N, C-alpha and C. Protein backbone atom coordinates (compact mmCIF):
# COMPACT_ATOMS: atom_id res chain seq x y z
N MET A 1 -48.24 49.83 36.55
CA MET A 1 -48.00 50.36 35.09
C MET A 1 -48.05 49.16 34.14
N SER A 2 -48.73 49.40 33.08
CA SER A 2 -49.08 48.25 32.10
C SER A 2 -47.86 48.08 31.30
N ILE A 3 -47.90 46.89 30.50
CA ILE A 3 -46.75 46.67 29.51
C ILE A 3 -46.98 47.65 28.43
N LYS A 4 -48.30 48.00 28.19
CA LYS A 4 -48.35 49.03 26.94
C LYS A 4 -47.65 50.30 27.30
N HIS A 5 -47.92 50.80 28.61
CA HIS A 5 -47.18 52.11 28.90
C HIS A 5 -45.68 51.96 29.17
N ILE A 6 -45.22 50.87 29.58
CA ILE A 6 -43.82 50.66 29.60
C ILE A 6 -43.20 50.69 28.20
N PHE A 7 -43.87 50.21 27.29
CA PHE A 7 -43.48 50.20 25.85
C PHE A 7 -43.58 51.60 25.15
N ILE A 8 -44.53 52.41 25.69
CA ILE A 8 -44.56 53.79 25.14
C ILE A 8 -43.48 54.65 25.66
N ILE A 9 -43.09 54.27 26.75
CA ILE A 9 -42.17 55.19 27.40
C ILE A 9 -40.69 54.67 26.81
N PHE A 10 -40.50 53.35 26.58
CA PHE A 10 -39.29 53.02 25.80
C PHE A 10 -39.26 53.57 24.54
N THR A 11 -40.44 53.64 23.76
CA THR A 11 -40.26 54.08 22.50
C THR A 11 -40.03 55.66 22.43
N LEU A 12 -40.52 56.38 23.42
CA LEU A 12 -40.25 57.61 23.55
C LEU A 12 -38.86 58.07 23.71
N PHE A 13 -38.15 57.27 24.64
CA PHE A 13 -36.71 57.60 24.88
C PHE A 13 -35.84 57.13 23.68
N SER A 14 -36.35 56.14 23.06
CA SER A 14 -35.59 55.68 21.70
C SER A 14 -35.68 56.76 20.76
N LEU A 15 -36.81 57.41 20.62
CA LEU A 15 -36.91 58.49 19.58
C LEU A 15 -36.10 59.66 19.98
N VAL A 16 -36.06 59.99 21.18
CA VAL A 16 -35.28 61.16 21.59
C VAL A 16 -33.85 60.79 21.38
N SER A 17 -33.29 59.64 21.64
CA SER A 17 -32.02 59.36 21.35
C SER A 17 -31.55 59.24 19.83
N CYS A 18 -32.61 59.08 18.96
CA CYS A 18 -32.33 59.39 17.56
C CYS A 18 -32.68 60.66 17.11
N SER A 19 -32.75 61.75 17.99
CA SER A 19 -33.17 62.98 17.52
C SER A 19 -32.10 63.72 16.64
N THR A 20 -30.97 63.16 16.50
CA THR A 20 -29.98 63.82 15.51
C THR A 20 -30.29 63.42 14.19
N LEU A 21 -31.06 62.64 13.86
CA LEU A 21 -31.40 62.13 12.55
C LEU A 21 -32.20 63.22 11.89
N PRO A 22 -31.77 63.52 10.50
CA PRO A 22 -32.44 64.66 9.78
C PRO A 22 -33.89 64.36 9.51
N PRO A 23 -34.85 65.15 9.53
CA PRO A 23 -36.19 64.93 9.26
C PRO A 23 -36.35 64.39 7.89
N LYS A 24 -37.48 63.31 8.03
CA LYS A 24 -37.65 62.51 6.77
C LYS A 24 -38.37 63.40 5.73
N ASN A 25 -39.17 64.44 6.33
CA ASN A 25 -39.93 65.32 5.35
C ASN A 25 -39.73 66.75 5.86
N PRO A 26 -38.53 67.19 5.63
CA PRO A 26 -38.07 68.65 5.93
C PRO A 26 -38.83 69.81 5.38
N GLU A 27 -39.71 69.50 4.25
CA GLU A 27 -40.50 70.63 3.67
C GLU A 27 -41.71 70.96 4.50
N ASN A 28 -41.93 70.01 5.62
CA ASN A 28 -43.20 70.25 6.25
C ASN A 28 -42.82 70.33 7.88
N ILE A 29 -42.97 71.48 8.41
CA ILE A 29 -42.58 71.84 9.75
C ILE A 29 -43.36 70.89 10.81
N CYS A 30 -44.46 70.46 10.48
CA CYS A 30 -45.37 69.72 11.40
C CYS A 30 -44.77 68.29 11.54
N SER A 31 -44.26 67.86 10.14
CA SER A 31 -43.62 66.41 10.11
C SER A 31 -42.29 66.52 10.88
N ILE A 32 -41.57 67.66 10.79
CA ILE A 32 -40.36 67.74 11.36
C ILE A 32 -40.47 67.56 12.95
N PHE A 33 -41.37 68.29 13.54
CA PHE A 33 -41.75 68.21 14.95
C PHE A 33 -42.45 66.93 15.44
N GLU A 34 -43.17 66.31 14.50
CA GLU A 34 -43.57 65.11 14.88
C GLU A 34 -42.51 64.02 15.03
N GLN A 35 -41.76 64.07 14.11
CA GLN A 35 -40.46 63.03 14.15
C GLN A 35 -39.61 63.40 15.39
N ASN A 36 -39.21 64.62 15.67
CA ASN A 36 -38.44 65.13 16.76
C ASN A 36 -39.14 66.16 17.45
N THR A 37 -40.20 65.57 18.64
CA THR A 37 -40.92 66.57 19.43
C THR A 37 -40.02 67.47 20.16
N ASP A 38 -38.84 67.03 20.67
CA ASP A 38 -38.10 67.90 21.49
C ASP A 38 -37.44 69.00 20.66
N TRP A 39 -37.48 68.81 19.44
CA TRP A 39 -36.92 70.07 18.54
C TRP A 39 -38.03 71.20 18.73
N TYR A 40 -39.46 70.82 18.67
CA TYR A 40 -40.28 71.89 18.89
C TYR A 40 -40.17 72.65 20.27
N PHE A 41 -39.86 71.95 21.26
CA PHE A 41 -39.71 72.73 22.58
C PHE A 41 -38.39 73.51 22.50
N ALA A 42 -37.47 72.94 21.83
CA ALA A 42 -36.29 73.87 21.81
C ALA A 42 -36.41 75.16 20.96
N ALA A 43 -37.21 74.93 20.03
CA ALA A 43 -37.57 76.06 19.08
C ALA A 43 -38.48 77.17 19.84
N LYS A 44 -39.46 76.47 20.61
CA LYS A 44 -40.33 77.35 21.50
C LYS A 44 -39.55 78.23 22.54
N LYS A 45 -38.67 77.47 23.09
CA LYS A 45 -37.75 78.05 24.23
C LYS A 45 -37.16 79.27 23.69
N ALA A 46 -36.51 79.05 22.45
CA ALA A 46 -35.77 80.24 21.81
C ALA A 46 -36.72 81.39 21.42
N LYS A 47 -38.04 81.02 20.97
CA LYS A 47 -39.10 81.98 20.61
C LYS A 47 -39.38 82.87 22.01
N ASP A 48 -39.63 82.15 23.21
CA ASP A 48 -39.94 82.79 24.34
C ASP A 48 -38.83 83.66 24.81
N LYS A 49 -37.44 83.27 24.61
CA LYS A 49 -36.30 83.88 25.16
C LYS A 49 -35.90 85.14 24.27
N TRP A 50 -36.03 84.95 22.95
CA TRP A 50 -35.48 85.90 22.09
C TRP A 50 -36.52 86.65 21.33
N GLY A 51 -37.78 86.25 21.40
CA GLY A 51 -38.89 86.76 20.59
C GLY A 51 -38.83 86.55 19.14
N VAL A 52 -38.30 85.35 18.73
CA VAL A 52 -38.11 84.99 17.39
C VAL A 52 -39.24 84.06 16.95
N PRO A 53 -39.93 84.28 15.99
CA PRO A 53 -40.99 83.35 15.52
C PRO A 53 -40.30 82.04 15.10
N ILE A 54 -40.90 80.88 15.38
CA ILE A 54 -40.27 79.62 15.17
C ILE A 54 -40.04 79.41 13.76
N HIS A 55 -40.84 79.78 12.79
CA HIS A 55 -40.66 79.47 11.35
C HIS A 55 -39.44 80.09 10.80
N VAL A 56 -38.96 81.29 11.36
CA VAL A 56 -37.93 81.93 10.80
C VAL A 56 -36.61 81.18 11.04
N PRO A 57 -36.12 80.93 12.17
CA PRO A 57 -34.96 80.05 12.44
C PRO A 57 -34.73 78.69 11.59
N MET A 58 -36.12 78.17 11.85
CA MET A 58 -36.26 76.82 11.34
C MET A 58 -35.99 76.76 9.78
N SER A 59 -36.61 77.86 8.98
CA SER A 59 -36.33 77.87 7.56
C SER A 59 -34.99 78.16 7.17
N MET A 60 -34.18 78.94 8.02
CA MET A 60 -32.86 79.34 7.86
C MET A 60 -32.03 78.10 8.25
N MET A 61 -32.27 77.35 9.23
CA MET A 61 -31.52 76.13 9.53
C MET A 61 -31.51 75.18 8.41
N TYR A 62 -32.75 75.04 7.90
CA TYR A 62 -32.92 74.01 6.72
C TYR A 62 -31.94 74.50 5.64
N GLN A 63 -32.04 75.77 5.32
CA GLN A 63 -31.03 76.19 4.20
C GLN A 63 -29.65 76.05 4.61
N GLU A 64 -29.30 76.19 5.69
CA GLU A 64 -27.85 76.10 6.26
C GLU A 64 -27.39 74.60 6.17
N SER A 65 -28.22 73.84 6.80
CA SER A 65 -27.51 72.37 7.15
C SER A 65 -28.37 71.27 6.63
N SER A 66 -29.53 71.59 6.25
CA SER A 66 -30.59 70.63 5.94
C SER A 66 -30.83 69.64 7.30
N PHE A 67 -30.68 70.32 8.24
CA PHE A 67 -30.98 69.80 9.77
C PHE A 67 -29.97 68.72 10.06
N LYS A 68 -28.74 68.67 9.52
CA LYS A 68 -27.71 67.75 9.76
C LYS A 68 -26.94 68.13 10.91
N HIS A 69 -26.78 67.34 12.08
CA HIS A 69 -26.17 67.78 13.22
C HIS A 69 -24.65 68.19 12.96
N ASP A 70 -24.04 67.39 12.13
CA ASP A 70 -22.67 67.43 11.83
C ASP A 70 -22.27 68.01 10.50
N ALA A 71 -23.13 68.85 9.91
CA ALA A 71 -22.82 69.57 8.63
C ALA A 71 -21.58 70.24 8.56
N ILE A 72 -20.81 70.24 7.60
CA ILE A 72 -19.52 70.88 7.34
C ILE A 72 -19.44 71.47 5.95
N PRO A 73 -18.72 72.50 5.90
CA PRO A 73 -18.60 73.19 4.53
C PRO A 73 -17.73 72.30 3.66
N PRO A 74 -17.91 72.46 2.30
CA PRO A 74 -17.00 71.70 1.46
C PRO A 74 -15.51 71.92 1.50
N MET A 75 -14.68 71.03 1.21
CA MET A 75 -13.19 71.29 1.19
C MET A 75 -12.75 72.07 0.23
N ASP A 76 -11.80 72.93 0.56
CA ASP A 76 -11.19 73.96 -0.48
C ASP A 76 -9.75 73.18 -1.01
N TYR A 77 -9.67 73.42 -2.38
CA TYR A 77 -8.46 72.73 -2.94
C TYR A 77 -7.60 73.75 -3.59
N PHE A 78 -6.24 73.56 -3.55
CA PHE A 78 -5.27 74.34 -4.25
C PHE A 78 -4.90 73.71 -5.65
N LEU A 79 -4.95 74.41 -6.64
CA LEU A 79 -4.75 73.98 -8.01
C LEU A 79 -5.81 72.92 -8.41
N GLY A 80 -6.93 72.98 -7.65
CA GLY A 80 -8.15 72.19 -8.02
C GLY A 80 -8.11 70.79 -7.58
N PHE A 81 -7.03 70.34 -6.90
CA PHE A 81 -7.01 68.93 -6.44
C PHE A 81 -6.17 68.68 -5.13
N ILE A 82 -5.55 69.68 -4.50
CA ILE A 82 -4.66 69.42 -3.29
C ILE A 82 -5.57 70.06 -2.30
N PRO A 83 -6.10 69.17 -1.31
CA PRO A 83 -6.99 69.82 -0.29
C PRO A 83 -6.23 70.62 0.82
N ILE A 84 -6.68 71.74 1.02
CA ILE A 84 -6.07 72.71 1.89
C ILE A 84 -6.98 72.97 3.17
N GLY A 85 -8.02 72.42 3.46
CA GLY A 85 -8.81 72.67 4.56
C GLY A 85 -10.32 73.06 4.11
N ARG A 86 -11.18 73.30 4.93
CA ARG A 86 -12.52 73.60 4.79
C ARG A 86 -12.70 75.05 4.20
N VAL A 87 -13.72 75.49 3.52
CA VAL A 87 -13.81 76.81 3.07
C VAL A 87 -14.13 77.81 4.19
N SER A 88 -14.60 77.27 5.32
CA SER A 88 -14.84 78.11 6.47
C SER A 88 -14.92 77.12 7.76
N SER A 89 -15.04 77.96 8.85
CA SER A 89 -15.04 77.12 10.18
C SER A 89 -16.43 76.84 10.52
N ALA A 90 -17.49 76.92 9.65
CA ALA A 90 -18.92 76.68 9.93
C ALA A 90 -19.03 75.12 10.38
N TYR A 91 -19.88 74.97 11.21
CA TYR A 91 -20.22 73.69 11.64
C TYR A 91 -21.65 73.45 12.26
N GLY A 92 -22.21 72.29 12.21
CA GLY A 92 -23.42 71.88 12.87
C GLY A 92 -24.63 72.42 12.37
N TYR A 93 -25.76 72.23 13.07
CA TYR A 93 -27.23 72.44 12.62
C TYR A 93 -27.25 74.14 12.07
N SER A 94 -26.57 74.97 12.76
CA SER A 94 -26.81 76.35 12.47
C SER A 94 -25.65 76.93 11.48
N GLN A 95 -24.62 75.94 11.19
CA GLN A 95 -23.55 76.36 10.43
C GLN A 95 -22.83 77.72 10.86
N ALA A 96 -22.80 77.73 12.30
CA ALA A 96 -22.11 78.83 12.92
C ALA A 96 -20.66 78.68 12.75
N LYS A 97 -20.00 80.02 12.39
CA LYS A 97 -18.56 79.89 12.40
C LYS A 97 -18.02 80.00 13.80
N THR A 98 -16.98 79.49 13.95
CA THR A 98 -16.23 79.44 15.41
C THR A 98 -16.15 80.65 16.09
N MET A 99 -15.64 81.79 15.35
CA MET A 99 -15.67 83.04 16.06
C MET A 99 -16.83 83.60 16.33
N THR A 100 -17.99 83.42 15.62
CA THR A 100 -19.38 83.89 16.11
C THR A 100 -19.99 83.18 17.05
N TRP A 101 -19.77 81.67 17.03
CA TRP A 101 -20.16 80.75 18.11
C TRP A 101 -19.43 81.36 19.47
N ASN A 102 -18.16 81.55 19.50
CA ASN A 102 -17.56 82.10 20.70
C ASN A 102 -18.14 83.33 21.33
N ASP A 103 -18.36 84.35 20.16
CA ASP A 103 -19.05 85.57 20.72
C ASP A 103 -20.43 85.24 21.38
N TYR A 104 -21.19 84.43 20.75
CA TYR A 104 -22.42 83.90 21.41
C TYR A 104 -22.32 83.36 22.83
N MET A 105 -21.42 82.40 22.91
CA MET A 105 -21.17 81.82 24.30
C MET A 105 -20.78 82.84 25.31
N ARG A 106 -19.81 83.83 24.94
CA ARG A 106 -19.34 84.75 25.79
C ARG A 106 -20.57 85.69 26.15
N GLU A 107 -21.41 86.15 25.31
CA GLU A 107 -22.49 87.11 25.45
C GLU A 107 -23.51 86.67 26.15
N THR A 108 -23.98 85.32 26.12
CA THR A 108 -25.13 84.58 26.59
C THR A 108 -24.56 83.88 27.89
N GLY A 109 -23.37 83.64 28.07
CA GLY A 109 -23.06 82.90 29.24
C GLY A 109 -23.30 81.37 29.10
N ASN A 110 -23.72 81.03 27.92
CA ASN A 110 -23.85 79.50 27.54
C ASN A 110 -22.73 78.80 27.19
N ASN A 111 -21.77 78.92 28.22
CA ASN A 111 -20.48 78.14 28.00
C ASN A 111 -20.52 76.61 27.87
N GLY A 112 -19.87 76.10 26.94
CA GLY A 112 -19.89 74.69 26.61
C GLY A 112 -20.95 74.23 25.68
N ALA A 113 -21.66 75.30 25.12
CA ALA A 113 -22.59 75.06 23.98
C ALA A 113 -22.05 74.29 22.88
N ASP A 114 -22.68 73.42 22.24
CA ASP A 114 -22.18 72.57 21.20
C ASP A 114 -22.99 72.98 19.92
N ARG A 115 -22.23 73.04 18.83
CA ARG A 115 -22.90 73.50 17.50
C ARG A 115 -23.59 72.29 16.94
N ASP A 116 -23.32 71.04 17.48
CA ASP A 116 -24.13 69.83 16.89
C ASP A 116 -25.14 69.50 17.87
N ASP A 117 -25.63 70.42 18.84
CA ASP A 117 -26.70 70.14 19.59
C ASP A 117 -27.90 71.05 19.29
N PHE A 118 -29.08 70.48 18.92
CA PHE A 118 -30.06 71.27 18.41
C PHE A 118 -30.50 72.43 19.18
N ASP A 119 -30.61 72.08 20.64
CA ASP A 119 -31.22 73.04 21.51
C ASP A 119 -30.17 74.32 21.43
N ASP A 120 -28.88 73.95 21.36
CA ASP A 120 -27.77 75.20 21.55
C ASP A 120 -27.90 75.88 20.17
N ALA A 121 -27.90 75.12 19.11
CA ALA A 121 -27.98 75.71 17.79
C ALA A 121 -29.28 76.60 17.58
N MET A 122 -30.39 76.22 18.20
CA MET A 122 -31.51 76.99 18.07
C MET A 122 -31.49 78.14 18.85
N ASP A 123 -30.94 78.12 20.00
CA ASP A 123 -30.71 79.26 20.93
C ASP A 123 -29.72 80.26 20.22
N PHE A 124 -28.66 79.85 19.54
CA PHE A 124 -27.69 80.57 18.93
C PHE A 124 -28.36 81.50 17.71
N MET A 125 -29.35 80.61 17.06
CA MET A 125 -29.95 81.44 15.92
C MET A 125 -30.97 82.40 16.49
N GLY A 126 -31.54 82.19 17.58
CA GLY A 126 -32.53 83.12 18.22
C GLY A 126 -31.70 84.46 18.70
N TRP A 127 -30.52 84.10 19.25
CA TRP A 127 -29.63 85.37 19.64
C TRP A 127 -29.24 86.07 18.39
N PHE A 128 -28.91 85.48 17.25
CA PHE A 128 -28.47 86.08 16.21
C PHE A 128 -29.44 87.03 15.52
N ILE A 129 -30.67 86.45 15.34
CA ILE A 129 -31.86 87.09 14.92
C ILE A 129 -32.23 88.34 15.77
N TYR A 130 -32.11 87.97 17.03
CA TYR A 130 -32.44 89.13 17.92
C TYR A 130 -31.43 90.34 17.74
N LYS A 131 -30.14 90.06 17.56
CA LYS A 131 -28.94 91.03 17.54
C LYS A 131 -29.16 91.76 16.00
N SER A 132 -29.56 90.90 15.15
CA SER A 132 -29.85 91.54 13.71
C SER A 132 -30.96 92.64 13.75
N GLN A 133 -31.95 92.45 14.60
CA GLN A 133 -32.88 93.59 14.82
C GLN A 133 -32.34 94.73 15.63
N LYS A 134 -31.50 94.47 16.60
CA LYS A 134 -30.99 95.39 17.42
C LYS A 134 -29.96 96.27 16.73
N LEU A 135 -29.06 95.52 15.87
CA LEU A 135 -28.04 96.17 15.10
C LEU A 135 -28.35 96.90 13.87
N ASN A 136 -29.32 96.14 13.03
CA ASN A 136 -29.65 96.55 11.75
C ASN A 136 -31.10 96.94 11.49
N LYS A 137 -31.90 96.79 12.65
CA LYS A 137 -33.31 97.06 12.55
C LYS A 137 -34.09 96.17 11.56
N THR A 138 -33.53 94.84 11.50
CA THR A 138 -34.29 94.03 10.80
C THR A 138 -35.37 93.16 11.61
N SER A 139 -36.53 93.26 11.11
CA SER A 139 -37.52 92.56 11.82
C SER A 139 -37.35 91.20 12.05
N LYS A 140 -37.65 90.63 13.23
CA LYS A 140 -37.35 89.19 13.55
C LYS A 140 -38.19 88.39 12.66
N TRP A 141 -39.29 88.90 12.09
CA TRP A 141 -40.19 88.21 11.06
C TRP A 141 -39.76 88.25 9.70
N ASP A 142 -38.90 89.03 9.40
CA ASP A 142 -38.34 89.24 7.86
C ASP A 142 -37.33 88.09 7.65
N ALA A 143 -37.91 87.05 7.26
CA ALA A 143 -37.03 85.99 6.95
C ALA A 143 -35.88 86.31 5.82
N TYR A 144 -36.47 87.09 4.84
CA TYR A 144 -35.49 87.36 3.76
C TYR A 144 -34.33 88.20 4.15
N ASN A 145 -34.48 89.24 4.88
CA ASN A 145 -33.35 90.18 5.44
C ASN A 145 -32.72 89.44 6.64
N GLN A 146 -33.30 88.72 7.40
CA GLN A 146 -32.70 87.96 8.53
C GLN A 146 -31.58 87.12 7.85
N TYR A 147 -31.91 86.38 6.74
CA TYR A 147 -30.98 85.41 6.15
C TYR A 147 -29.84 86.19 5.61
N LEU A 148 -30.04 87.26 5.08
CA LEU A 148 -28.85 88.12 4.35
C LEU A 148 -27.96 88.49 5.59
N ASN A 149 -28.56 88.91 6.70
CA ASN A 149 -27.82 89.19 8.00
C ASN A 149 -26.94 88.00 8.34
N TYR A 150 -27.56 86.85 8.35
CA TYR A 150 -26.85 85.71 8.85
C TYR A 150 -25.85 85.33 7.90
N HIS A 151 -26.07 85.39 6.64
CA HIS A 151 -25.00 84.98 5.58
C HIS A 151 -23.80 85.97 5.52
N GLU A 152 -24.11 87.25 5.60
CA GLU A 152 -23.09 88.27 5.27
C GLU A 152 -22.65 88.82 6.42
N GLY A 153 -23.17 88.54 7.86
CA GLY A 153 -22.75 89.30 9.08
C GLY A 153 -23.37 90.52 9.14
N TRP A 154 -23.31 91.10 10.36
CA TRP A 154 -24.19 92.42 10.63
C TRP A 154 -23.47 93.59 9.77
N GLY A 155 -22.18 93.68 9.80
CA GLY A 155 -21.33 94.46 9.04
C GLY A 155 -21.74 94.49 7.60
N GLY A 156 -21.49 93.31 6.91
CA GLY A 156 -21.66 93.18 5.58
C GLY A 156 -23.13 93.45 5.06
N PHE A 157 -24.16 93.15 6.02
CA PHE A 157 -25.48 93.54 5.64
C PHE A 157 -25.63 95.06 5.82
N LYS A 158 -24.97 95.68 6.67
CA LYS A 158 -25.16 97.12 6.72
C LYS A 158 -24.43 97.81 5.51
N ARG A 159 -23.36 97.19 5.10
CA ARG A 159 -22.57 97.77 3.80
C ARG A 159 -23.40 97.33 2.41
N LYS A 160 -24.37 96.53 2.69
CA LYS A 160 -25.22 95.88 1.49
C LYS A 160 -24.42 95.14 0.69
N SER A 161 -23.54 94.42 1.12
CA SER A 161 -22.51 93.41 0.38
C SER A 161 -23.22 92.39 -0.52
N TYR A 162 -24.54 92.13 -0.07
CA TYR A 162 -25.20 91.20 -0.99
C TYR A 162 -25.80 91.65 -2.12
N TYR A 163 -25.73 92.97 -2.45
CA TYR A 163 -26.09 93.43 -3.74
C TYR A 163 -25.32 92.96 -5.04
N LYS A 164 -23.99 92.55 -4.49
CA LYS A 164 -23.12 91.93 -5.57
C LYS A 164 -23.29 90.56 -5.64
N LYS A 165 -24.28 89.77 -4.91
CA LYS A 165 -24.38 88.37 -5.02
C LYS A 165 -25.77 88.10 -5.34
N LYS A 166 -26.32 88.12 -6.59
CA LYS A 166 -27.55 87.89 -6.88
C LYS A 166 -27.97 86.43 -6.46
N TRP A 167 -26.97 85.62 -6.43
CA TRP A 167 -27.28 84.11 -6.11
C TRP A 167 -27.76 84.22 -4.66
N LEU A 168 -27.19 84.95 -3.80
CA LEU A 168 -27.61 84.97 -2.39
C LEU A 168 -28.96 85.48 -2.17
N MET A 169 -29.14 86.46 -3.01
CA MET A 169 -30.63 87.09 -2.76
C MET A 169 -31.55 86.12 -3.26
N ALA A 170 -31.35 85.40 -4.29
CA ALA A 170 -32.12 84.34 -4.66
C ALA A 170 -32.41 83.12 -3.65
N VAL A 171 -31.42 82.80 -3.00
CA VAL A 171 -31.46 81.78 -1.82
C VAL A 171 -32.25 82.53 -0.68
N SER A 172 -32.04 83.74 -0.42
CA SER A 172 -32.92 84.40 0.64
C SER A 172 -34.37 84.42 0.32
N ARG A 173 -34.65 84.52 -0.86
CA ARG A 173 -36.08 84.42 -1.37
C ARG A 173 -36.65 83.08 -1.12
N LYS A 174 -35.85 82.05 -1.29
CA LYS A 174 -36.24 80.65 -1.06
C LYS A 174 -36.57 80.48 0.41
N VAL A 175 -35.57 81.02 1.37
CA VAL A 175 -35.69 80.88 2.75
C VAL A 175 -37.06 81.60 3.14
N GLU A 176 -37.27 82.76 2.58
CA GLU A 176 -38.59 83.56 2.80
C GLU A 176 -39.74 82.74 2.49
N LYS A 177 -39.78 82.08 1.37
CA LYS A 177 -40.82 81.33 1.01
C LYS A 177 -41.16 80.22 1.85
N ARG A 178 -40.06 79.50 2.18
CA ARG A 178 -40.19 78.41 3.16
C ARG A 178 -40.55 78.80 4.50
N ALA A 179 -40.13 79.94 5.02
CA ALA A 179 -40.65 80.49 6.24
C ALA A 179 -42.17 80.78 6.33
N LYS A 180 -42.72 81.20 5.05
CA LYS A 180 -44.01 81.46 5.04
C LYS A 180 -44.92 80.20 5.13
N ARG A 181 -44.29 79.17 4.39
CA ARG A 181 -44.99 77.95 4.28
C ARG A 181 -44.81 77.18 5.56
N TYR A 182 -43.80 77.18 6.41
CA TYR A 182 -43.78 76.75 7.71
C TYR A 182 -44.66 77.35 8.54
N SER A 183 -44.79 78.74 8.41
CA SER A 183 -45.75 79.37 9.32
C SER A 183 -47.25 79.05 9.23
N ALA A 184 -47.56 78.84 7.86
CA ALA A 184 -48.93 78.40 7.64
C ALA A 184 -49.12 76.83 8.19
N GLN A 185 -48.20 76.08 8.07
CA GLN A 185 -48.17 74.54 8.42
C GLN A 185 -48.25 74.56 9.83
N LEU A 186 -47.58 75.35 10.65
CA LEU A 186 -47.39 75.39 12.06
C LEU A 186 -48.73 75.84 12.92
N LYS A 187 -49.34 76.64 12.11
CA LYS A 187 -50.70 77.15 12.61
C LYS A 187 -51.69 75.87 12.82
N LYS A 188 -51.65 75.01 11.94
CA LYS A 188 -52.47 73.90 11.84
C LYS A 188 -52.18 72.78 12.70
N CYS A 189 -50.76 72.69 13.32
CA CYS A 189 -50.54 71.60 14.20
C CYS A 189 -49.88 71.95 15.58
N GLU A 190 -49.62 73.16 15.67
CA GLU A 190 -48.85 73.55 17.01
C GLU A 190 -49.57 73.23 18.32
N ALA A 191 -50.96 73.40 18.08
CA ALA A 191 -51.74 73.00 19.40
C ALA A 191 -51.29 71.62 19.90
N SER A 192 -51.25 70.67 18.90
CA SER A 192 -50.82 69.37 19.30
C SER A 192 -49.64 69.14 20.15
N PHE A 193 -48.58 70.17 19.97
CA PHE A 193 -47.38 70.14 20.59
C PHE A 193 -47.55 70.79 21.90
N THR A 194 -48.30 71.87 22.08
CA THR A 194 -48.51 72.56 23.15
C THR A 194 -49.29 71.86 24.34
N GLN A 195 -49.82 70.80 24.01
CA GLN A 195 -50.66 70.03 24.89
C GLN A 195 -49.64 69.45 25.86
N GLY A 196 -49.92 68.84 26.99
CA GLY A 196 -48.89 68.10 27.82
C GLY A 196 -48.56 66.86 27.23
N TRP A 197 -47.46 66.53 26.75
CA TRP A 197 -47.07 65.46 26.01
C TRP A 197 -47.28 64.25 26.83
N TRP A 198 -47.09 64.27 27.99
CA TRP A 198 -47.36 63.26 29.08
C TRP A 198 -48.78 62.66 29.07
N SER A 199 -49.66 63.54 29.05
CA SER A 199 -51.19 63.40 29.12
C SER A 199 -51.55 62.84 27.77
N ARG A 200 -50.80 63.26 26.57
CA ARG A 200 -51.20 62.63 25.35
C ARG A 200 -50.82 61.12 25.27
N LEU A 201 -49.66 60.97 25.85
CA LEU A 201 -49.11 59.53 25.80
C LEU A 201 -50.04 58.60 26.46
N PHE A 202 -50.81 58.99 27.63
CA PHE A 202 -51.51 58.07 28.42
C PHE A 202 -53.06 58.20 28.31
N SER A 203 -53.51 59.01 27.16
CA SER A 203 -54.80 59.45 27.03
C SER A 203 -55.65 58.16 26.46
N SER A 204 -54.94 57.36 25.90
CA SER A 204 -55.59 56.13 25.27
C SER A 204 -55.81 55.02 26.24
């Protein structure tokens, strides 16, 4: 094995070890997956398992955490200055709440899943989107209504609680627009990720 190939392998493992870093260009899904190629395979795995198009959970995750593995909600304050804890138990890439995350682990058998692990977070979102279709007949391709399900919960979506939250509907439109942009971008670059990565490394 040549020094060049050893260097390439070393670089590859260095990039994987840094995969918790937020994407430098989160507005472009091709750039996201070029920076963290293992994220593409995690998203593809969720697509194959749950039938969820990659651009939908990715656009939702960007909205929830900006792809920060340790994202947490803001602190809540009593009287405006006394900290009394976080506004919710949401955490990680998907901003999943503790109770919902526990439901996911119990239903899927993915015990030990971590909210700050991209693979687990993506599988969680695939599961949630899949269940939104089952419970509320929301298409897996409908990023707008899938995000409303995600934010309000299946019961809240069914009760149409979002009608009282114009700000949330506006955010859901942003997620929808981002999903459409991600979808168009991915069509132009996905073939480069579906090729054997090992053969790409040593093709030169």
